[in-house]
Amino acid sequence: MSEQQPNPYASDNGAPGNAGYGYPQPYPTAPGNAGYGYPQATPPAPGYQPTFGGAGIPAQAQPMAYPVAPQGVGGSGLALGDITIAGDQIITPSGPMPLKGAMWNATDFSRTETKIPTHAVVLAIVFFLFCLLGLLFLLMKEKTTTGYIQVTVTSGGRHHSTMIPAVDAGTFPWVMNQLNYARSLSI
């Protein structure tokens, strides 16, 4: 494994072969015609090797400018089921609603049951016959949570409700944290 293997895709002089399926395509000839990703105005200089550290960064290396969210917009991308907060609106399948003054509510329709699993009962019976410690297997418990949490929002004369499946006992506190955040954005 420590031995270097020759590149099967390289041409005779060791340079990479022609661009094909799976290879990065060359930079476009005209700036601004990038095919995917963030467009770059100019390609990096030939031989550019980025280094990590303060010294040794070439002068032509400029930080990339990323799009910035507009200022003064309330809310920052929160989703509860099919209810999404984007900017100053609540987006639902029944249409957008204003975020300002929205009323949020959650109802817990989940339940958590605790039971002794079947394999614990079998092990208790088997080991009870060999030694009396088999009864300790009856202390094994299994918790299962079923049901859902209903989240409703009312704003601008519209009403929407969604159901979030409860996967464990911590689902309802998580939904309430998200709901309290949404309430704080609605003020």
C-alpha atoms as a PDB file:
ATOM      1  CA  MET A   1       0.000   0.000   0.000  1.00  0.00           C
ATOM      2  CA  SER A   2       2.923   2.367   0.585  1.00  0.00           C
ATOM      3  CA  GLU A   3       4.091   1.863  -2.988  1.00  0.00           C
ATOM      4  CA  GLN A   4       2.919   4.509  -5.477  1.00  0.00           C
ATOM      5  CA  GLN A   5       0.768   3.121  -8.266  1.00  0.00           C
ATOM      6  CA  PRO A   6       0.848   4.705 -11.747  1.00  0.00           C
ATOM      7  CA  ASN A   7      -2.176   6.777 -12.735  1.00  0.00           C
ATOM      8  CA  PRO A   8      -4.131   4.718 -15.308  1.00  0.00           C
ATOM      9  CA  TYR A   9      -5.885   7.873 -16.533  1.00  0.00           C
ATOM     10  CA  ALA A  10      -2.718   9.858 -17.194  1.00  0.00           C
ATOM     11  CA  SER A  11      -1.250  10.398 -20.635  1.00  0.00           C
ATOM     12  CA  ASP A  12       2.352   9.451 -21.390  1.00  0.00           C
ATOM     13  CA  ASN A  13       3.871  12.580 -19.845  1.00  0.00           C
ATOM     14  CA  GLY A  14       2.066  12.066 -16.500  1.00  0.00           C
ATOM     15  CA  ALA A  15      -0.511  14.834 -17.029  1.00  0.00           C
ATOM     16  CA  PRO A  16      -4.183  13.969 -16.554  1.00  0.00           C
ATOM     17  CA  GLY A  17      -6.001  12.654 -19.619  1.00  0.00           C
ATOM     18  CA  ASN A  18      -8.749  14.389 -21.563  1.00  0.00           C
ATOM     19  CA  ALA A  19     -11.794  15.561 -19.690  1.00  0.00           C
ATOM     20  CA  GLY A  20     -14.525  12.965 -19.762  1.00  0.00           C
ATOM     21  CA  TYR A  21     -17.258  11.600 -17.594  1.00  0.00           C
ATOM     22  CA  GLY A  22     -16.406  12.164 -13.931  1.00  0.00           C
ATOM     23  CA  TYR A  23     -13.544  14.588 -14.535  1.00  0.00           C
ATOM     24  CA  PRO A  24     -13.783  18.291 -13.695  1.00  0.00           C
ATOM     25  CA  GLN A  25     -14.381  20.349 -16.789  1.00  0.00           C
ATOM     26  CA  PRO A  26     -11.987  23.192 -17.657  1.00  0.00           C
ATOM     27  CA  TYR A  27     -12.861  26.761 -16.742  1.00  0.00           C
ATOM     28  CA  PRO A  28     -15.129  28.557 -19.211  1.00  0.00           C
ATOM     29  CA  THR A  29     -13.460  30.898 -21.634  1.00  0.00           C
ATOM     30  CA  ALA A  30     -15.707  33.841 -20.801  1.00  0.00           C
ATOM     31  CA  PRO A  31     -15.962  34.905 -17.134  1.00  0.00           C
ATOM     32  CA  GLY A  32     -19.379  34.421 -15.569  1.00  0.00           C
ATOM     33  CA  ASN A  33     -20.350  31.326 -17.593  1.00  0.00           C
ATOM     34  CA  ALA A  34     -19.742  28.783 -14.858  1.00  0.00           C
ATOM     35  CA  GLY A  35     -21.728  25.578 -15.330  1.00  0.00           C
ATOM     36  CA  TYR A  36     -22.360  24.793 -11.675  1.00  0.00           C
ATOM     37  CA  GLY A  37     -21.519  25.969  -8.160  1.00  0.00           C
ATOM     38  CA  TYR A  38     -20.613  29.514  -7.298  1.00  0.00           C
ATOM     39  CA  PRO A  39     -19.521  31.460 -10.376  1.00  0.00           C
ATOM     40  CA  GLN A  40     -15.967  32.783 -10.372  1.00  0.00           C
ATOM     41  CA  ALA A  41     -14.998  35.921 -12.236  1.00  0.00           C
ATOM     42  CA  THR A  42     -11.566  34.586 -13.157  1.00  0.00           C
ATOM     43  CA  PRO A  43      -9.966  31.173 -12.809  1.00  0.00           C
ATOM     44  CA  PRO A  44      -7.150  30.815 -10.292  1.00  0.00           C
ATOM     45  CA  ALA A  45      -3.671  31.536 -11.548  1.00  0.00           C
ATOM     46  CA  PRO A  46      -1.724  28.562 -12.960  1.00  0.00           C
ATOM     47  CA  GLY A  47       0.231  26.797 -10.266  1.00  0.00           C
ATOM     48  CA  TYR A  48      -1.872  28.271  -7.459  1.00  0.00           C
ATOM     49  CA  GLN A  49      -1.518  26.120  -4.367  1.00  0.00           C
ATOM     50  CA  PRO A  50      -3.533  27.246  -1.351  1.00  0.00           C
ATOM     51  CA  THR A  51      -1.721  27.036   1.956  1.00  0.00           C
ATOM     52  CA  PHE A  52      -3.286  27.053   5.359  1.00  0.00           C
ATOM     53  CA  GLY A  53      -1.678  29.575   7.625  1.00  0.00           C
ATOM     54  CA  GLY A  54      -1.097  33.294   7.710  1.00  0.00           C
ATOM     55  CA  ALA A  55       2.110  33.364   5.697  1.00  0.00           C
ATOM     56  CA  GLY A  56       2.447  31.953   2.225  1.00  0.00           C
ATOM     57  CA  ILE A  57      -1.009  32.808   0.896  1.00  0.00           C
ATOM     58  CA  PRO A  58      -0.580  34.224  -2.606  1.00  0.00           C
ATOM     59  CA  ALA A  59      -1.661  37.824  -3.217  1.00  0.00           C
ATOM     60  CA  GLN A  60      -4.138  36.792  -5.935  1.00  0.00           C
ATOM     61  CA  ALA A  61      -6.115  34.599  -3.482  1.00  0.00           C
ATOM     62  CA  GLN A  62      -9.266  36.591  -2.746  1.00  0.00           C
ATOM     63  CA  PRO A  63     -11.988  35.403  -0.358  1.00  0.00           C
ATOM     64  CA  MET A  64     -15.084  34.244  -2.223  1.00  0.00           C
ATOM     65  CA  ALA A  65     -18.157  36.455  -1.830  1.00  0.00           C
ATOM     66  CA  TYR A  66     -21.254  34.518  -0.763  1.00  0.00           C
ATOM     67  CA  PRO A  67     -24.791  35.857  -1.078  1.00  0.00           C
ATOM     68  CA  VAL A  68     -26.028  37.536   2.094  1.00  0.00           C
ATOM     69  CA  ALA A  69     -29.600  37.432   3.390  1.00  0.00           C
ATOM     70  CA  PRO A  70     -31.389  40.780   3.187  1.00  0.00           C
ATOM     71  CA  GLN A  71     -31.315  42.755   6.418  1.00  0.00           C
ATOM     72  CA  GLY A  72     -34.467  43.616   8.323  1.00  0.00           C
ATOM     73  CA  VAL A  73     -36.221  40.358   7.452  1.00  0.00           C
ATOM     74  CA  GLY A  74     -37.771  38.506  10.396  1.00  0.00           C
ATOM     75  CA  GLY A  75     -37.372  34.776  10.813  1.00  0.00           C
ATOM     76  CA  SER A  76     -34.649  32.558   9.584  1.00  0.00           C
ATOM     77  CA  GLY A  77     -35.782  29.308   8.026  1.00  0.00           C
ATOM     78  CA  LEU A  78     -37.702  27.246  10.559  1.00  0.00           C
ATOM     79  CA  ALA A  79     -39.736  24.205   9.551  1.00  0.00           C
ATOM     80  CA  LEU A  80     -42.264  22.227  11.594  1.00  0.00           C
ATOM     81  CA  GLY A  81     -43.779  19.492   9.467  1.00  0.00           C
ATOM     82  CA  ASP A  82     -45.084  21.232   6.350  1.00  0.00           C
ATOM     83  CA  ILE A  83     -45.126  24.682   8.023  1.00  0.00           C
ATOM     84  CA  THR A  84     -42.089  26.772   7.098  1.00  0.00           C
ATOM     85  CA  ILE A  85     -41.048  30.237   8.251  1.00  0.00           C
ATOM     86  CA  ALA A  86     -39.192  32.090   5.515  1.00  0.00           C
ATOM     87  CA  GLY A  87     -38.494  35.759   5.968  1.00  0.00           C
ATOM     88  CA  ASP A  88     -41.596  37.509   7.259  1.00  0.00           C
ATOM     89  CA  GLN A  89     -44.048  34.873   5.999  1.00  0.00           C
ATOM     90  CA  ILE A  90     -45.304  31.489   7.086  1.00  0.00           C
ATOM     91  CA  ILE A  91     -45.391  29.154   4.085  1.00  0.00           C
ATOM     92  CA  THR A  92     -47.971  26.350   4.240  1.00  0.00           C
ATOM     93  CA  PRO A  93     -49.558  24.106   1.606  1.00  0.00           C
ATOM     94  CA  SER A  94     -52.749  26.137   1.995  1.00  0.00           C
ATOM     95  CA  GLY A  95     -50.901  29.363   1.123  1.00  0.00           C
ATOM     96  CA  PRO A  96     -48.634  31.968   2.723  1.00  0.00           C
ATOM     97  CA  MET A  97     -49.591  33.756   5.943  1.00  0.00           C
ATOM     98  CA  PRO A  98     -48.047  36.802   7.616  1.00  0.00           C
ATOM     99  CA  LEU A  99     -45.603  35.971  10.397  1.00  0.00           C
ATOM    100  CA  LYS A 100     -46.448  39.050  12.438  1.00  0.00           C
ATOM    101  CA  GLY A 101     -49.220  38.288  14.943  1.00  0.00           C
ATOM    102  CA  ALA A 102     -49.421  34.541  14.229  1.00  0.00           C
ATOM    103  CA  MET A 103     -50.938  32.295  16.908  1.00  0.00           C
ATOM    104  CA  TRP A 104     -49.137  28.973  17.460  1.00  0.00           C
ATOM    105  CA  ASN A 105     -50.458  25.931  19.317  1.00  0.00           C
ATOM    106  CA  ALA A 106     -49.258  22.359  19.889  1.00  0.00           C
ATOM    107  CA  THR A 107     -51.152  19.348  21.200  1.00  0.00           C
ATOM    108  CA  ASP A 108     -49.452  16.123  22.283  1.00  0.00           C
ATOM    109  CA  PHE A 109     -51.250  13.025  20.989  1.00  0.00           C
ATOM    110  CA  SER A 110     -48.352  10.665  21.714  1.00  0.00           C
ATOM    111  CA  ARG A 111     -47.954   8.016  24.370  1.00  0.00           C
ATOM    112  CA  THR A 112     -44.970   6.132  25.748  1.00  0.00           C
ATOM    113  CA  GLU A 113     -45.446   2.535  26.881  1.00  0.00           C
ATOM    114  CA  THR A 114     -43.036   0.502  28.990  1.00  0.00           C
ATOM    115  CA  LYS A 115     -43.071  -3.270  28.747  1.00  0.00           C
ATOM    116  CA  ILE A 116     -40.867  -6.306  29.302  1.00  0.00           C
ATOM    117  CA  PRO A 117     -39.610  -7.573  25.923  1.00  0.00           C
ATOM    118  CA  THR A 118     -40.316 -11.151  24.865  1.00  0.00           C
ATOM    119  CA  HIS A 119     -36.661 -12.142  24.743  1.00  0.00           C
ATOM    120  CA  ALA A 120     -36.269 -11.088  28.415  1.00  0.00           C
ATOM    121  CA  VAL A 121     -39.106 -13.416  29.457  1.00  0.00           C
ATOM    122  CA  VAL A 122     -37.559 -16.311  27.499  1.00  0.00           C
ATOM    123  CA  LEU A 123     -34.127 -15.699  29.048  1.00  0.00           C
ATOM    124  CA  ALA A 124     -35.656 -15.484  32.535  1.00  0.00           C
ATOM    125  CA  ILE A 125     -37.344 -18.876  32.098  1.00  0.00           C
ATOM    126  CA  VAL A 126     -34.239 -20.549  30.637  1.00  0.00           C
ATOM    127  CA  PHE A 127     -31.814 -19.207  33.253  1.00  0.00           C
ATOM    128  CA  PHE A 128     -34.280 -19.790  36.120  1.00  0.00           C
ATOM    129  CA  LEU A 129     -33.968 -23.511  35.444  1.00  0.00           C
ATOM    130  CA  PHE A 130     -30.139 -23.398  35.565  1.00  0.00           C
ATOM    131  CA  CYS A 131     -29.629 -20.836  38.305  1.00  0.00           C
ATOM    132  CA  LEU A 132     -31.909 -18.558  40.260  1.00  0.00           C
ATOM    133  CA  LEU A 133     -30.380 -15.427  38.720  1.00  0.00           C
ATOM    134  CA  GLY A 134     -32.651 -15.734  35.699  1.00  0.00           C
ATOM    135  CA  LEU A 135     -35.242 -13.514  37.359  1.00  0.00           C
ATOM    136  CA  LEU A 136     -32.925 -10.539  36.831  1.00  0.00           C
ATOM    137  CA  PHE A 137     -33.824 -10.646  33.131  1.00  0.00           C
ATOM    138  CA  LEU A 138     -37.333  -9.497  34.109  1.00  0.00           C
ATOM    139  CA  LEU A 139     -35.826  -6.120  35.046  1.00  0.00           C
ATOM    140  CA  MET A 140     -35.209  -5.398  31.362  1.00  0.00           C
ATOM    141  CA  LYS A 141     -37.646  -2.740  30.113  1.00  0.00           C
ATOM    142  CA  GLU A 142     -38.424  -1.478  26.634  1.00  0.00           C
ATOM    143  CA  LYS A 143     -39.972   1.947  25.988  1.00  0.00           C
ATOM    144  CA  THR A 144     -41.898   2.582  22.797  1.00  0.00           C
ATOM    145  CA  THR A 145     -43.431   5.906  21.790  1.00  0.00           C
ATOM    146  CA  THR A 146     -46.290   6.087  19.314  1.00  0.00           C
ATOM    147  CA  GLY A 147     -48.585   8.845  18.116  1.00  0.00           C
ATOM    148  CA  TYR A 148     -48.035  12.351  16.838  1.00  0.00           C
ATOM    149  CA  ILE A 149     -47.885  16.020  17.843  1.00  0.00           C
ATOM    150  CA  GLN A 150     -50.351  18.382  16.212  1.00  0.00           C
ATOM    151  CA  VAL A 151     -49.029  21.877  15.439  1.00  0.00           C
ATOM    152  CA  THR A 152     -51.485  24.575  14.377  1.00  0.00           C
ATOM    153  CA  VAL A 153     -50.896  28.129  13.220  1.00  0.00           C
ATOM    154  CA  THR A 154     -53.466  30.874  12.661  1.00  0.00           C
ATOM    155  CA  SER A 155     -52.595  34.168  11.000  1.00  0.00           C
ATOM    156  CA  GLY A 156     -54.212  36.626   8.645  1.00  0.00           C
ATOM    157  CA  GLY A 157     -57.599  34.912   8.792  1.00  0.00           C
ATOM    158  CA  ARG A 158     -56.140  31.555   7.746  1.00  0.00           C
ATOM    159  CA  HIS A 159     -55.552  28.376   9.721  1.00  0.00           C
ATOM    160  CA  HIS A 160     -53.248  25.416   9.056  1.00  0.00           C
ATOM    161  CA  SER A 161     -52.560  22.256  11.038  1.00  0.00           C
ATOM    162  CA  THR A 162     -49.833  19.626  10.641  1.00  0.00           C
ATOM    163  CA  MET A 163     -48.959  16.357  12.349  1.00  0.00           C
ATOM    164  CA  ILE A 164     -45.397  15.541  13.457  1.00  0.00           C
ATOM    165  CA  PRO A 165     -44.759  11.859  14.284  1.00  0.00           C
ATOM    166  CA  ALA A 166     -43.463  11.202  17.809  1.00  0.00           C
ATOM    167  CA  VAL A 167     -40.358   9.042  17.565  1.00  0.00           C
ATOM    168  CA  ASP A 168     -39.378   9.118  21.242  1.00  0.00           C
ATOM    169  CA  ALA A 169     -40.272  10.793  24.527  1.00  0.00           C
ATOM    170  CA  GLY A 170     -38.151  13.847  23.619  1.00  0.00           C
ATOM    171  CA  THR A 171     -40.153  14.741  20.504  1.00  0.00           C
ATOM    172  CA  PHE A 172     -42.728  16.914  22.273  1.00  0.00           C
ATOM    173  CA  PRO A 173     -40.128  19.035  24.151  1.00  0.00           C
ATOM    174  CA  TRP A 174     -38.256  19.499  20.865  1.00  0.00           C
ATOM    175  CA  VAL A 175     -41.443  20.625  19.091  1.00  0.00           C
ATOM    176  CA  MET A 176     -42.230  23.009  21.958  1.00  0.00           C
ATOM    177  CA  ASN A 177     -38.745  24.561  21.682  1.00  0.00           C
ATOM    178  CA  GLN A 178     -39.277  25.116  17.964  1.00  0.00           C
ATOM    179  CA  LEU A 179     -42.771  26.458  18.617  1.00  0.00           C
ATOM    180  CA  ASN A 180     -41.531  28.911  21.265  1.00  0.00           C
ATOM    181  CA  TYR A 181     -38.941  30.168  18.783  1.00  0.00           C
ATOM    182  CA  ALA A 182     -41.674  30.630  16.171  1.00  0.00           C
ATOM    183  CA  ARG A 183     -43.772  32.504  18.760  1.00  0.00           C
ATOM    184  CA  SER A 184     -40.849  34.824  19.481  1.00  0.00           C
ATOM    185  CA  LEU A 185     -40.561  35.598  15.761  1.00  0.00           C
ATOM    186  CA  SER A 186     -44.299  36.334  15.550  1.00  0.00           C
ATOM    187  CA  ILE A 187     -44.207  39.167  18.069  1.00  0.00           C
END
